[in-house]
Protein backbone atom coordinates (compact mmCIF):
# COMPACT_ATOMS: atom_id res chain seq x y z
CA UNK A 1 7.86 5.05 25.95
CA UNK A 2 8.13 2.66 23.34
CA UNK A 3 8.32 -1.22 23.09
CA UNK A 4 11.86 -2.33 21.96
CA UNK A 5 11.00 -6.15 21.15
CA UNK A 6 8.12 -5.01 18.99
CA UNK A 7 7.78 -7.65 15.48
CA UNK A 8 7.59 -5.82 12.23
CA UNK A 9 4.65 -5.14 11.17
CA UNK A 10 4.43 -5.69 7.22
CA UNK A 11 1.86 -4.35 4.41
CA UNK A 12 1.30 -5.36 1.01
CA UNK A 13 -1.26 -2.96 -1.12
CA UNK A 14 -2.68 -5.19 -4.21
CA UNK A 15 -4.13 -3.59 -7.26
CA UNK A 16 -5.40 -5.42 -10.28
CA UNK A 17 -2.04 -4.36 -12.31
CA UNK A 18 0.81 -3.33 -9.83
CA UNK A 19 1.98 0.03 -11.80
CA UNK A 20 0.41 2.59 -10.15
CA UNK A 21 -2.32 2.62 -7.19
CA UNK A 22 -1.06 -0.42 -5.07
CA UNK A 23 3.11 1.18 -6.00
CA UNK A 24 1.63 4.86 -5.32
CA UNK A 25 0.32 3.56 -1.57
CA UNK A 26 3.45 1.27 -0.79
CA UNK A 27 6.01 4.83 -1.52
CA UNK A 28 3.28 6.71 0.47
CA UNK A 29 3.04 4.32 3.23
CA UNK A 30 7.40 4.30 2.70
CA UNK A 31 7.69 7.79 2.66
CA UNK A 32 5.43 7.71 6.26
CA UNK A 33 7.95 5.63 7.81
CA UNK A 34 11.27 7.05 6.85
CA UNK A 35 13.57 4.42 8.74
CA UNK A 36 11.24 2.50 10.75
CA UNK A 37 12.23 -0.75 11.02
CA UNK A 38 9.28 -1.94 12.14
CA UNK A 39 7.20 -1.77 8.61
CA UNK A 40 8.02 -3.74 5.66
CA UNK A 41 6.11 -2.56 2.81
CA UNK A 42 5.40 -3.95 -0.58
CA UNK A 43 3.43 -3.89 -3.81
CA UNK A 44 1.64 -6.43 -6.31
CA UNK A 45 -0.62 -7.83 -9.00
CA UNK A 46 -3.36 -9.65 -9.19
CA UNK A 47 -3.34 -9.68 -12.65
CA UNK A 48 0.65 -11.62 -14.16
CA UNK A 49 0.41 -8.91 -17.69
CA UNK A 50 3.03 -6.12 -15.90
CA UNK A 51 5.12 -8.15 -13.84
CA UNK A 52 8.70 -7.51 -14.20
CA UNK A 53 7.32 -3.70 -15.28
CA UNK A 54 8.14 -0.27 -13.09
CA UNK A 55 5.29 1.95 -12.47
CA UNK A 56 3.27 3.56 -14.85
CA UNK A 57 5.11 7.40 -15.91
CA UNK A 58 1.63 9.10 -14.70
CA UNK A 59 1.92 7.48 -11.12
CA UNK A 60 5.96 8.45 -11.20
CA UNK A 61 5.65 11.60 -11.90
CA UNK A 62 2.68 12.37 -9.01
CA UNK A 63 5.11 10.09 -6.54
CA UNK A 64 8.04 12.76 -7.75
CA UNK A 65 6.22 15.91 -7.63
CA UNK A 66 5.68 15.12 -3.57
CA UNK A 67 9.36 14.44 -3.63
CA UNK A 68 8.52 10.56 -3.83
CA UNK A 69 10.16 7.82 -5.39
CA UNK A 70 9.76 4.32 -6.58
CA UNK A 71 12.30 1.96 -7.74
CA UNK A 72 8.47 -0.63 -7.56
CA UNK A 73 9.41 -3.56 -10.16
CA UNK A 74 5.77 -5.09 -11.00
CA UNK A 75 4.68 -8.75 -8.68
CA UNK A 76 1.55 -11.09 -8.82
CA UNK A 77 0.94 -11.95 -5.27
CA UNK A 78 1.56 -15.16 -4.07
CA UNK A 79 0.30 -17.57 -1.70
CA UNK A 80 3.11 -16.88 0.88
CA UNK A 81 1.96 -13.65 0.77
CA UNK A 82 -1.55 -14.31 2.67
CA UNK A 83 1.09 -16.02 5.20
CA UNK A 84 4.26 -13.30 5.04
CA UNK A 85 1.86 -9.90 5.13
CA UNK A 86 -0.98 -8.67 8.52
CA UNK A 87 -2.74 -6.78 6.19
CA UNK A 88 -3.63 -7.31 2.50
CA UNK A 89 -4.82 -3.71 0.96
CA UNK A 90 -7.33 -4.25 -2.34
CA UNK A 91 -7.87 -0.34 -3.66
CA UNK A 92 -10.77 -1.44 -4.52
CA UNK A 93 -13.74 -4.26 -3.97
CA UNK A 94 -12.88 -6.15 -6.49
CA UNK A 95 -9.48 -6.47 -5.70
CA UNK A 96 -10.80 -7.10 -2.75
CA UNK A 97 -13.07 -10.18 -3.30
CA UNK A 98 -9.75 -11.27 -5.73
CA UNK A 99 -8.02 -11.48 -2.63
CA UNK A 100 -10.01 -12.93 -0.83
CA UNK A 101 -10.70 -15.54 -3.76
CA UNK A 102 -6.94 -17.15 -3.73
CA UNK A 103 -6.00 -16.20 -0.17
CA UNK A 104 -5.44 -20.01 1.38
CA UNK A 105 -7.83 -21.43 3.79
CA UNK A 106 -5.58 -20.62 6.96
CA UNK A 107 -4.18 -17.40 6.12
CA UNK A 108 -2.80 -14.99 8.43
CA UNK A 109 -3.29 -12.02 6.66
CA UNK A 110 -5.89 -9.66 7.27
CA UNK A 111 -7.73 -8.73 3.49
CA UNK A 112 -9.07 -5.35 3.86
CA UNK A 113 -9.52 -1.92 1.57
CA UNK A 114 -7.24 1.02 2.40
CA UNK A 115 -9.18 3.04 1.25
CA UNK A 116 -11.75 2.05 4.78
CA UNK A 117 -8.80 4.18 6.76
CA UNK A 118 -9.87 7.58 4.96
CA UNK A 119 -10.29 10.52 6.49
CA UNK A 120 -13.19 11.58 4.11
CA UNK A 121 -14.72 7.94 3.72
CA UNK A 122 -13.92 7.64 0.04
CA UNK A 123 -13.36 4.15 0.45
CA UNK A 124 -12.64 2.71 -3.02
CA UNK A 125 -9.47 3.90 -4.62
CA UNK A 126 -9.92 3.96 -8.22
CA UNK A 127 -8.02 2.70 -11.07
CA UNK A 128 -6.83 5.73 -12.92
CA UNK A 129 -4.97 3.89 -15.57
CA UNK A 130 -7.17 4.24 -19.07
CA UNK A 131 -8.48 7.97 -17.26
CA UNK A 132 -6.30 11.25 -19.94
CA UNK A 133 -3.22 13.25 -18.26
CA UNK A 134 -2.93 13.14 -14.57
CA UNK A 135 -6.64 14.20 -12.50
CA UNK A 136 -6.96 10.51 -11.64
CA UNK A 137 -3.46 10.04 -10.70
CA UNK A 138 -3.66 13.26 -8.38
CA UNK A 139 -7.33 12.13 -6.87
CA UNK A 140 -5.76 8.85 -6.15
CA UNK A 141 -2.60 10.17 -4.18
CA UNK A 142 -4.79 12.37 -2.08
CA UNK A 143 -7.32 9.46 -1.61
CA UNK A 144 -3.94 6.60 -0.62
CA UNK A 145 -1.99 9.72 1.40
CA UNK A 146 -4.81 9.93 3.37
CA UNK A 147 -5.61 6.66 4.29
CA UNK A 148 -2.35 5.68 4.88
CA UNK A 149 -2.72 8.55 7.77
CA UNK A 150 -5.48 6.87 8.73
CA UNK A 151 -4.30 4.05 9.10
CA UNK A 152 -1.35 4.30 10.39
CA UNK A 153 -3.44 6.71 13.24
CA UNK A 154 -5.16 3.67 14.03
CA UNK A 155 -2.36 1.13 14.26
CA UNK A 156 0.57 2.72 13.92
CA UNK A 157 0.88 4.64 17.91
CA UNK A 158 4.01 2.94 19.34
CA UNK A 159 4.98 1.75 16.72
CA UNK A 160 5.46 5.64 15.60
CA UNK A 161 6.40 6.21 18.85
CA UNK A 162 9.30 3.62 18.28
CA UNK A 163 10.24 4.69 14.93
CA UNK A 164 11.00 8.26 16.81
CA UNK A 165 12.42 7.35 18.80
CA UNK A 166 15.02 5.47 16.80
CA UNK A 167 15.69 8.53 14.75
CA UNK A 168 17.11 10.58 17.90
């Protein structure tokens, strides 16, 4: 039986510009947990250059190919995020280093590589932005999907049960 008073688990996905990998990860995880009221997902950027913009066109195209949508608007990571979220996932080691550098000393969020949960052990989710065409975005989608499923297998069992019970 699932707990009914379970605290909401909050996850923030972060990449350098919040235009490709992190909004894709947010959309994938939301799709894996439709209507799950015990989860909250968001995404953000290390850098500020895309703030206020929607995800990159190729990112949106790959999401649409998989029946997913994203109405995300890019934003930059804030100090408050390190207290609000339980997990903050960087897409590559540089993202994680940047997050650790800017995190307040008493931050409560656990900062990790999302790819550490990839069943194929492909820990680094490479930035597809500078690649030509959609291949890099397709690869990114597959890595992110495997990683999100892997995370849920470890951290989401009771929460998934709770979400399924709520949907009945």
